[in-house]
Amino acid sequence: MKRRMIRIDKKKCNGCGACAAACHEGAIEMIGGKAELTREDFCDGLGDCLPACPTGAITFEEREAPAYDEEAVLRAKEQKKEKPLPCGCAGTQARSFSRETEKTQKEEAVSSQLRQWPCQIKLVPAGATYFDGANLLIAADCTAYAYGSFHRDMMRGHITLIGCPKLDAEDYAEKLTQILRLHEIKSVKVVRMEVPCCGGIEQAVRRALQASGKMIPWQVVTISTDGKILE
């Protein structure tokens, strides 16, 4: 059948992964650093991915394609639902813990400031009580490796969530919207790398803040590839 479909220009694609995150049906995947429509029957033709693309690599076209299979999409979503791992992985068990104030700057610099598990956006339960009244840090996972004092300067006093829109086939905006709606979040800090692919995590936070309907103070901190904070 002939219907409206998306077309991805791989020459314009910068590999940010924002379109894959914006596709609620999971029709787009990142392959070889480029976005690709891997399931035509998962594409509903509505184009949620278009505004997410920062380079204009996605357009509409009328062409022959299989019909949109809503049942298959729903089955795929069910299969991706989070399930506890039988090994009892710490990252799947929601819990919080306090951090004692360190006595010296040297000790503080090497002390972990992680205050809860899980910390992966895709694993964290949206209803976890540690979000109540929290200052929220949402960080691209590379930032903690690039910026040496990440725990001391970024994580201290925050509930930390990490993710990578280029690697995860997840729509972070949905989970983040749930968290913002369910809890009284005091502030949101986004920490991303300077590379274009990190734009996906910033865009997900923007969409979540808008969808939540709340006025929450937020800021974006950008880290260079050599570990410096960019103004």
Protein backbone atom coordinates (compact mmCIF):
# COMPACT_ATOMS: atom_id res chain seq x y z
CA MET A 1 0.00 0.00 0.00
CA LYS A 2 1.06 3.59 -0.59
CA ARG A 3 1.21 5.83 2.49
CA ARG A 4 3.11 8.67 4.10
CA MET A 5 6.45 7.58 5.55
CA ILE A 6 9.56 9.24 6.89
CA ARG A 7 12.76 9.45 4.88
CA ILE A 8 16.17 9.77 6.59
CA ASP A 9 18.99 11.48 4.72
CA LYS A 10 22.07 9.74 6.13
CA LYS A 11 24.36 12.43 4.73
CA LYS A 12 22.66 15.00 6.95
CA CYS A 13 22.32 12.68 9.97
CA ASN A 14 24.86 13.52 12.69
CA GLY A 15 24.15 10.43 14.76
CA CYS A 16 22.67 12.27 17.75
CA GLY A 17 19.96 9.66 18.27
CA ALA A 18 17.28 12.23 19.09
CA CYS A 19 14.92 10.84 16.44
CA ALA A 20 15.19 7.30 17.83
CA ALA A 21 14.38 8.62 21.29
CA ALA A 22 11.41 10.59 19.94
CA CYS A 23 9.95 7.62 18.03
CA HIS A 24 7.43 6.15 20.48
CA GLU A 25 6.92 3.10 18.28
CA GLY A 26 10.58 2.07 18.10
CA ALA A 27 10.70 2.20 14.30
CA ILE A 28 14.08 3.99 14.23
CA GLU A 29 17.39 2.53 15.40
CA MET A 30 20.95 3.82 15.44
CA ILE A 31 23.09 1.62 13.21
CA GLY A 32 26.72 2.40 12.48
CA GLY A 33 26.31 5.83 14.06
CA LYS A 34 23.41 6.80 11.77
CA ALA A 35 19.62 6.77 12.18
CA GLU A 36 17.80 4.12 10.19
CA LEU A 37 14.12 3.24 9.76
CA THR A 38 14.37 -0.46 10.57
CA ARG A 39 10.66 -1.29 10.95
CA GLU A 40 8.43 0.30 8.33
CA ASP A 41 5.41 -1.45 9.87
CA PHE A 42 6.18 0.34 13.17
CA CYS A 43 6.15 3.81 11.56
CA ASP A 44 2.75 5.48 11.98
CA GLY A 45 3.65 8.32 9.62
CA LEU A 46 2.88 11.03 12.19
CA GLY A 47 6.48 12.20 12.34
CA ASP A 48 7.23 12.78 16.03
CA CYS A 49 10.85 12.32 15.00
CA LEU A 50 10.91 15.31 12.62
CA PRO A 51 11.05 18.16 15.19
CA ALA A 52 13.59 16.21 17.25
CA CYS A 53 16.14 16.14 14.40
CA PRO A 54 18.61 19.05 14.75
CA THR A 55 19.94 18.78 11.17
CA GLY A 56 16.74 18.43 9.13
CA ALA A 57 17.73 14.96 7.99
CA ILE A 58 14.16 13.61 8.26
CA THR A 59 11.38 14.43 5.81
CA PHE A 60 8.06 12.93 4.70
CA GLU A 61 7.47 11.08 1.45
CA GLU A 62 4.61 9.13 -0.14
CA ARG A 63 5.71 5.62 -1.10
CA GLU A 64 4.90 1.95 -1.00
CA ALA A 65 5.21 0.53 2.50
CA PRO A 66 3.62 -2.13 4.70
CA ALA A 67 0.64 -1.05 6.79
CA TYR A 68 1.20 0.30 10.27
CA ASP A 69 0.96 -2.66 12.68
CA GLU A 70 -0.22 -1.24 16.00
CA GLU A 71 -0.52 -4.66 17.63
CA ALA A 72 3.10 -5.49 16.81
CA VAL A 73 4.19 -2.15 18.24
CA LEU A 74 2.33 -2.82 21.50
CA ARG A 75 3.84 -6.30 21.75
CA ALA A 76 7.32 -4.87 21.25
CA LYS A 77 6.73 -2.28 23.98
CA GLU A 78 5.59 -4.99 26.39
CA GLN A 79 8.74 -6.98 25.74
CA LYS A 80 10.88 -3.94 26.54
CA LYS A 81 9.24 -3.27 29.89
CA GLU A 82 11.66 -3.24 32.75
CA LYS A 83 11.98 -6.55 34.59
CA PRO A 84 14.15 -7.27 37.65
CA LEU A 85 17.23 -9.29 36.76
CA PRO A 86 17.37 -12.75 38.39
CA CYS A 87 20.94 -12.05 39.52
CA GLY A 88 19.73 -9.28 41.85
CA CYS A 89 21.68 -6.56 40.05
CA ALA A 90 22.04 -3.49 42.30
CA GLY A 91 21.00 -1.23 39.45
CA THR A 92 17.48 -2.71 39.43
CA GLN A 93 16.80 -2.43 43.17
CA ALA A 94 15.41 0.97 44.21
CA ARG A 95 16.96 2.24 47.41
CA SER A 96 18.47 5.42 48.82
CA PHE A 97 21.24 6.13 51.29
CA SER A 98 22.84 9.14 52.93
CA ARG A 99 26.33 10.48 52.46
CA GLU A 100 28.21 11.85 55.47
CA THR A 101 29.83 15.25 55.10
CA GLU A 102 33.54 14.81 54.45
CA LYS A 103 36.04 16.58 56.70
CA THR A 104 38.63 17.57 54.13
CA GLN A 105 38.53 18.72 50.54
CA LYS A 106 40.87 15.89 49.55
CA GLU A 107 38.57 13.25 51.02
CA GLU A 108 35.52 14.95 49.52
CA ALA A 109 37.03 14.90 46.04
CA VAL A 110 37.27 11.12 46.04
CA SER A 111 34.06 10.35 47.95
CA SER A 112 31.07 9.07 45.99
CA GLN A 113 28.09 11.41 45.98
CA LEU A 114 25.63 8.91 44.54
CA ARG A 115 22.56 8.95 46.75
CA GLN A 116 20.28 6.31 45.22
CA TRP A 117 19.89 3.22 43.05
CA PRO A 118 19.08 2.77 40.22
CA CYS A 119 20.72 5.68 38.47
CA GLN A 120 20.03 4.73 34.84
CA ILE A 121 17.06 6.69 33.45
CA LYS A 122 15.62 3.59 31.80
CA LEU A 123 15.74 1.59 35.07
CA VAL A 124 14.71 4.12 37.69
CA PRO A 125 11.14 3.76 39.04
CA ALA A 126 9.26 7.00 38.41
CA GLY A 127 7.44 6.75 41.73
CA ALA A 128 10.55 6.34 43.92
CA THR A 129 10.24 8.36 47.12
CA TYR A 130 13.79 9.73 46.85
CA PHE A 131 12.55 12.08 44.13
CA ASP A 132 10.34 13.97 46.63
CA GLY A 133 11.77 17.45 47.09
CA ALA A 134 14.92 16.52 45.13
CA ASN A 135 17.36 18.57 43.15
CA LEU A 136 17.60 16.44 40.02
CA LEU A 137 20.78 15.87 38.00
CA ILE A 138 20.25 14.39 34.53
CA ALA A 139 23.59 13.60 32.94
CA ALA A 140 24.94 12.01 29.80
CA ASP A 141 26.94 9.06 31.06
CA CYS A 142 30.20 10.18 29.38
CA THR A 143 30.30 13.38 31.44
CA ALA A 144 31.38 11.63 34.63
CA TYR A 145 34.43 10.23 32.83
CA ALA A 146 35.33 13.47 31.06
CA TYR A 147 34.98 15.83 34.04
CA GLY A 148 37.31 14.85 36.88
CA SER A 149 35.41 16.43 39.79
CA PHE A 150 32.00 15.26 38.64
CA HIS A 151 30.93 13.82 42.00
CA ARG A 152 31.99 16.85 44.00
CA ASP A 153 30.85 19.59 41.60
CA MET A 154 27.80 18.06 39.89
CA MET A 155 26.34 15.21 41.94
CA ARG A 156 26.61 16.54 45.48
CA GLY A 157 23.15 17.25 46.89
CA HIS A 158 21.39 15.81 43.84
CA ILE A 159 19.50 12.71 42.85
CA THR A 160 21.44 11.54 39.81
CA LEU A 161 20.05 10.04 36.60
CA ILE A 162 22.28 9.05 33.70
CA GLY A 163 21.71 7.89 30.15
CA CYS A 164 22.89 8.01 26.55
CA PRO A 165 20.28 8.71 23.86
CA LYS A 166 22.65 7.41 21.20
CA LEU A 167 22.95 3.98 22.80
CA ASP A 168 19.57 3.51 24.51
CA ALA A 169 16.47 2.83 22.42
CA GLU A 170 14.40 4.72 24.98
CA ASP A 171 12.25 7.83 24.96
CA TYR A 172 13.67 9.52 28.03
CA ALA A 173 11.07 12.29 27.85
CA GLU A 174 8.27 9.91 28.85
CA LYS A 175 9.99 8.67 32.02
CA LEU A 176 11.22 12.16 32.96
CA THR A 177 7.74 13.61 32.48
CA GLN A 178 6.35 11.02 34.89
CA ILE A 179 8.98 11.88 37.48
CA LEU A 180 8.34 15.63 37.20
CA ARG A 181 4.58 15.17 37.44
CA LEU A 182 4.65 12.76 40.38
CA HIS A 183 7.08 14.69 42.57
CA GLU A 184 7.85 18.22 43.72
CA ILE A 185 11.25 18.57 42.06
CA LYS A 186 13.15 21.64 43.29
CA SER A 187 15.48 22.04 40.32
CA VAL A 188 16.87 20.23 37.29
CA LYS A 189 20.48 20.30 36.16
CA VAL A 190 21.40 18.79 32.78
CA VAL A 191 25.03 17.87 32.18
CA ARG A 192 25.95 16.93 28.62
CA MET A 193 29.00 16.63 26.41
CA GLU A 194 29.72 19.18 23.68
CA VAL A 195 29.27 16.56 20.92
CA PRO A 196 26.03 16.74 18.87
CA CYS A 197 24.79 13.30 19.92
CA CYS A 198 24.38 14.59 23.49
CA GLY A 199 21.71 16.99 22.25
CA GLY A 200 19.18 14.18 22.60
CA ILE A 201 19.32 14.18 26.39
CA GLU A 202 18.90 17.96 26.58
CA GLN A 203 15.94 17.83 24.18
CA ALA A 204 14.33 15.04 26.22
CA VAL A 205 14.53 17.20 29.36
CA ARG A 206 13.09 20.20 27.51
CA ARG A 207 10.12 18.14 26.31
CA ALA A 208 9.59 16.64 29.77
CA LEU A 209 9.58 20.05 31.45
CA GLN A 210 7.05 21.34 28.93
CA ALA A 211 4.86 18.25 29.24
CA SER A 212 4.92 18.34 33.05
CA GLY A 213 3.19 21.74 33.09
CA LYS A 214 5.40 22.86 35.99
CA MET A 215 7.72 25.83 36.29
CA ILE A 216 10.92 24.22 37.53
CA PRO A 217 14.29 26.05 37.51
CA TRP A 218 16.73 24.27 35.23
CA GLN A 219 20.16 24.72 33.72
CA VAL A 220 22.42 23.03 31.19
CA VAL A 221 26.13 22.46 31.81
CA THR A 222 28.22 21.45 28.78
CA ILE A 223 31.47 19.55 29.17
CA SER A 224 34.17 19.64 26.48
CA THR A 225 35.80 16.45 25.26
CA ASP A 226 38.97 17.43 27.16
CA GLY A 227 37.05 17.73 30.43
CA LYS A 228 36.41 21.47 30.76
CA ILE A 229 33.14 23.25 31.53
CA LEU A 230 32.13 25.34 28.52
CA GLU A 231 30.56 28.75 29.15
